[in-house]
Structures are given as C-alpha cells and as structure tokens.
C-alpha cells in the first residue's frame, strides 16, 4: 500500500471560508482569555478577508502556485543601463503576503481602482491601518505585549473586513461599503 501523494500545486485557496474560521476561533480564544491565540487569529482572519476582497472585488489574481497578487502592482522589468543587469521587482511588492504590508497593498489597489467598487465606509476604514504594529511572529510572544485595546482593535478590523466582503457578496455587484 502506498501513501497518498500530495498534489504539486494545492487547490485554490478559499480565503473567505478561512477568514471566517479564523475570526470565529479568534473570538473563542478572546473569550477564554488567550490573547496570543486571539490576536494571531484576528490577524489571520483579516489577512484572509483582505485577500478574498482583493480577489473577488478588486481584480487580484492567483499565480500558478495559488499565491494572490495584483497585476497593477507588478511592474515590467526595467531596461538596464549599458553594462548593468535588469532590475527585477521583488515579489513582495505585488504578491499579497502578510499584514501590516498587506493593508498598504489593499489601500493602493483601491486607489488604483478609482473607487468604482468601494463605498465611503470602506474608504474611511482604509485611512488608518489597525494592524500597523501587528506581526505574524507575535504568535511566539508571551502575551504580555498584546494589550486588550490592540486585541479589540484587531478583532473589530477583522469583523469589519468580513462584513464588507459579505455585503459585496450579498449585493452581487462587488461593491464594498
């Protein structure tokens, strides 16, 4: 008997479902006074919600390896000066990775879309990054550096992002309110 083989390329991610799952787990962890897990999961929920929004509403795409990116953020290679190598744009500038940088990419893509699919409430939400000091590596901390205010801000932001995407899904026109 042979072990099942893992496919070379995993199936496309379902950022929407993952975001909801992470958010509900974050709320459970917060209710049980587990701030490290709650904050980590709130950030992952927000990341997933942002990626779902970018893919479904704002024109982002998946690479052949299922990594989300936005074509408008990817610049063509620059022509090198004589005697120099062509400078390649680093993948982190156009692929959608982790917060807090992902928030800046979302804001940039919204700006590039000229507000066609984005309502005033969503634009207002983008003005201040609630995850400016959040980092995925905080999952390794002892919990003393995560304030209740930070955790509540992260949970609210994740909820707001999920609600914005849900509104766009329900209306069927991709508008983020």
Protein backbone atom coordinates (compact mmCIF):
# COMPACT_ATOMS: atom_id res chain seq x y z
CA UNK A 1 0.00 0.00 0.00
CA UNK A 2 1.39 3.39 -0.91
CA UNK A 3 0.78 6.65 0.84
CA UNK A 4 -1.40 9.18 -0.94
CA UNK A 5 0.58 11.71 -2.91
CA UNK A 6 0.19 15.38 -2.26
CA UNK A 7 -0.53 17.35 -5.39
CA UNK A 8 2.33 19.53 -6.63
CA UNK A 9 0.01 22.53 -6.57
CA UNK A 10 -2.66 22.67 -3.87
CA UNK A 11 -6.25 23.50 -4.78
CA UNK A 12 -7.08 27.23 -4.95
CA UNK A 13 -7.33 28.81 -1.52
CA UNK A 14 -10.72 29.70 -0.08
CA UNK A 15 -9.75 32.89 1.71
CA UNK A 16 -13.37 33.69 2.51
CA UNK A 17 -14.00 30.45 4.43
CA UNK A 18 -10.57 30.59 6.07
CA UNK A 19 -11.15 34.19 7.19
CA UNK A 20 -14.46 33.31 8.80
CA UNK A 21 -12.97 30.27 10.55
CA UNK A 22 -10.02 32.27 11.89
CA UNK A 23 -12.33 35.04 13.09
CA UNK A 24 -14.63 32.65 14.99
CA UNK A 25 -11.60 30.93 16.53
CA UNK A 26 -10.18 34.34 17.50
CA UNK A 27 -13.42 35.24 19.28
CA UNK A 28 -13.39 31.91 21.15
CA UNK A 29 -9.76 32.45 22.18
CA UNK A 30 -10.50 36.01 23.31
CA UNK A 31 -13.46 34.79 25.38
CA UNK A 32 -11.15 32.26 27.06
CA UNK A 33 -8.51 34.92 27.76
CA UNK A 34 -5.94 33.53 25.36
CA UNK A 35 -4.63 36.82 23.93
CA UNK A 36 -1.75 35.39 21.89
CA UNK A 37 -4.01 32.99 20.01
CA UNK A 38 -6.84 35.51 19.74
CA UNK A 39 -4.62 38.25 18.33
CA UNK A 40 -2.82 35.90 15.95
CA UNK A 41 -6.11 34.52 14.63
CA UNK A 42 -7.64 38.01 14.31
CA UNK A 43 -4.70 39.00 12.11
CA UNK A 44 -5.03 35.85 10.00
CA UNK A 45 -8.78 36.45 9.68
CA UNK A 46 -8.12 39.98 8.47
CA UNK A 47 -5.44 38.76 6.02
CA UNK A 48 -7.83 36.19 4.58
CA UNK A 49 -10.69 38.70 4.33
CA UNK A 50 -8.41 41.20 2.57
CA UNK A 51 -7.24 38.55 0.10
CA UNK A 52 -10.86 37.50 -0.55
CA UNK A 53 -11.75 41.15 -1.19
CA UNK A 54 -8.77 41.68 -3.46
CA UNK A 55 -9.53 38.55 -5.50
CA UNK A 56 -13.30 38.81 -5.73
CA UNK A 57 -13.82 42.57 -5.90
CA UNK A 58 -10.63 44.39 -6.88
CA UNK A 59 -9.02 42.42 -9.68
CA UNK A 60 -6.31 40.44 -7.95
CA UNK A 61 -5.41 37.05 -9.40
CA UNK A 62 -3.68 33.85 -8.35
CA UNK A 63 -0.24 32.89 -9.60
CA UNK A 64 0.19 29.35 -10.98
CA UNK A 65 1.23 28.42 -7.42
CA UNK A 66 -2.01 29.89 -5.97
CA UNK A 67 -0.41 32.97 -4.47
CA UNK A 68 -2.59 36.07 -4.77
CA UNK A 69 -1.21 39.17 -6.50
CA UNK A 70 -2.50 42.26 -8.24
CA UNK A 71 -1.33 42.82 -11.83
CA UNK A 72 -1.34 46.62 -11.44
CA UNK A 73 1.25 46.32 -8.66
CA UNK A 74 3.59 44.23 -10.80
CA UNK A 75 5.93 46.35 -12.85
CA UNK A 76 7.60 45.14 -16.03
CA UNK A 77 11.37 44.64 -15.78
CA UNK A 78 13.23 47.88 -16.35
CA UNK A 79 15.58 48.15 -19.27
CA UNK A 80 19.09 48.01 -17.87
CA UNK A 81 21.61 50.72 -18.43
CA UNK A 82 24.52 49.59 -20.59
CA UNK A 83 26.74 47.28 -18.58
CA UNK A 84 24.12 46.64 -15.85
CA UNK A 85 21.69 43.83 -15.11
CA UNK A 86 17.94 44.30 -15.48
CA UNK A 87 16.41 45.06 -12.09
CA UNK A 88 13.61 42.68 -11.12
CA UNK A 89 10.82 43.81 -8.83
CA UNK A 90 10.75 41.82 -5.60
CA UNK A 91 7.73 39.51 -5.39
CA UNK A 92 6.69 41.01 -2.02
CA UNK A 93 5.82 44.28 -3.79
CA UNK A 94 2.99 42.73 -5.81
CA UNK A 95 2.12 39.37 -4.17
CA UNK A 96 -0.30 39.66 -1.28
CA UNK A 97 1.52 38.42 1.81
CA UNK A 98 1.03 39.31 5.46
CA UNK A 99 -0.11 42.25 7.48
CA UNK A 100 0.78 45.01 8.03
CA UNK A 101 2.14 45.33 4.46
CA UNK A 102 -0.98 43.71 3.01
CA UNK A 103 -3.07 46.63 4.30
CA UNK A 104 -0.91 49.06 2.31
CA UNK A 105 -1.37 46.93 -0.81
CA UNK A 106 -5.15 46.94 -0.30
CA UNK A 107 -5.15 50.73 0.03
CA UNK A 108 -3.02 51.05 -3.12
CA UNK A 109 -5.25 48.73 -5.16
CA UNK A 110 -8.35 50.66 -4.01
CA UNK A 111 -6.64 53.89 -5.09
CA UNK A 112 -5.80 52.35 -8.48
CA UNK A 113 -9.41 51.22 -8.95
CA UNK A 114 -10.55 54.88 -8.65
CA UNK A 115 -13.20 53.97 -6.08
CA UNK A 116 -15.51 52.25 -8.58
CA UNK A 117 -16.22 49.31 -6.27
CA UNK A 118 -15.53 50.97 -2.96
CA UNK A 119 -18.01 52.93 -0.91
CA UNK A 120 -17.25 55.70 1.57
CA UNK A 121 -17.34 53.47 4.66
CA UNK A 122 -14.73 51.12 3.19
CA UNK A 123 -12.53 54.02 2.07
CA UNK A 124 -12.77 55.50 5.56
CA UNK A 125 -11.72 52.17 7.08
CA UNK A 126 -8.59 52.15 4.90
CA UNK A 127 -7.33 55.51 6.20
CA UNK A 128 -5.81 54.03 9.35
CA UNK A 129 -4.19 50.62 9.41
CA UNK A 130 -5.38 48.92 12.62
CA UNK A 131 -2.63 46.34 12.11
CA UNK A 132 0.26 48.83 11.82
CA UNK A 133 2.09 47.17 14.72
CA UNK A 134 0.77 43.62 14.23
CA UNK A 135 3.22 40.99 13.12
CA UNK A 136 2.65 37.33 12.40
CA UNK A 137 5.65 36.43 14.59
CA UNK A 138 3.75 37.68 17.66
CA UNK A 139 2.28 34.19 17.89
CA UNK A 140 5.54 33.30 19.65
CA UNK A 141 5.27 36.01 22.31
CA UNK A 142 4.39 35.50 25.96
CA UNK A 143 1.19 37.55 25.69
CA UNK A 144 2.25 40.47 27.87
CA UNK A 145 2.91 42.65 24.83
CA UNK A 146 -0.64 42.27 23.50
CA UNK A 147 -2.87 44.90 25.07
CA UNK A 148 -6.60 44.48 25.38
CA UNK A 149 -7.03 47.61 23.23
CA UNK A 150 -4.85 46.14 20.47
CA UNK A 151 -6.71 42.84 20.55
CA UNK A 152 -10.10 44.58 20.42
CA UNK A 153 -8.93 46.80 17.53
CA UNK A 154 -7.72 43.76 15.60
CA UNK A 155 -10.92 41.80 16.22
CA UNK A 156 -13.06 44.77 15.13
CA UNK A 157 -11.00 45.30 11.98
CA UNK A 158 -11.26 41.62 11.06
CA UNK A 159 -15.01 41.75 11.64
CA UNK A 160 -15.36 44.93 9.55
CA UNK A 161 -13.42 43.38 6.66
CA UNK A 162 -15.52 40.22 6.78
CA UNK A 163 -18.71 42.32 6.90
CA UNK A 164 -17.57 44.42 3.91
CA UNK A 165 -16.92 41.31 1.87
CA UNK A 166 -20.21 39.74 2.94
CA UNK A 167 -22.03 42.90 1.83
CA UNK A 168 -20.32 42.72 -1.58
CA UNK A 169 -21.26 39.04 -1.89
CA UNK A 170 -24.89 39.59 -0.89
CA UNK A 171 -25.44 42.51 -3.23
CA UNK A 172 -23.79 40.59 -6.05
CA UNK A 173 -22.20 43.70 -7.53
CA UNK A 174 -18.84 43.52 -5.74
CA UNK A 175 -19.34 46.90 -4.02
CA UNK A 176 -17.56 47.22 -0.70
CA UNK A 177 -19.47 49.57 1.55
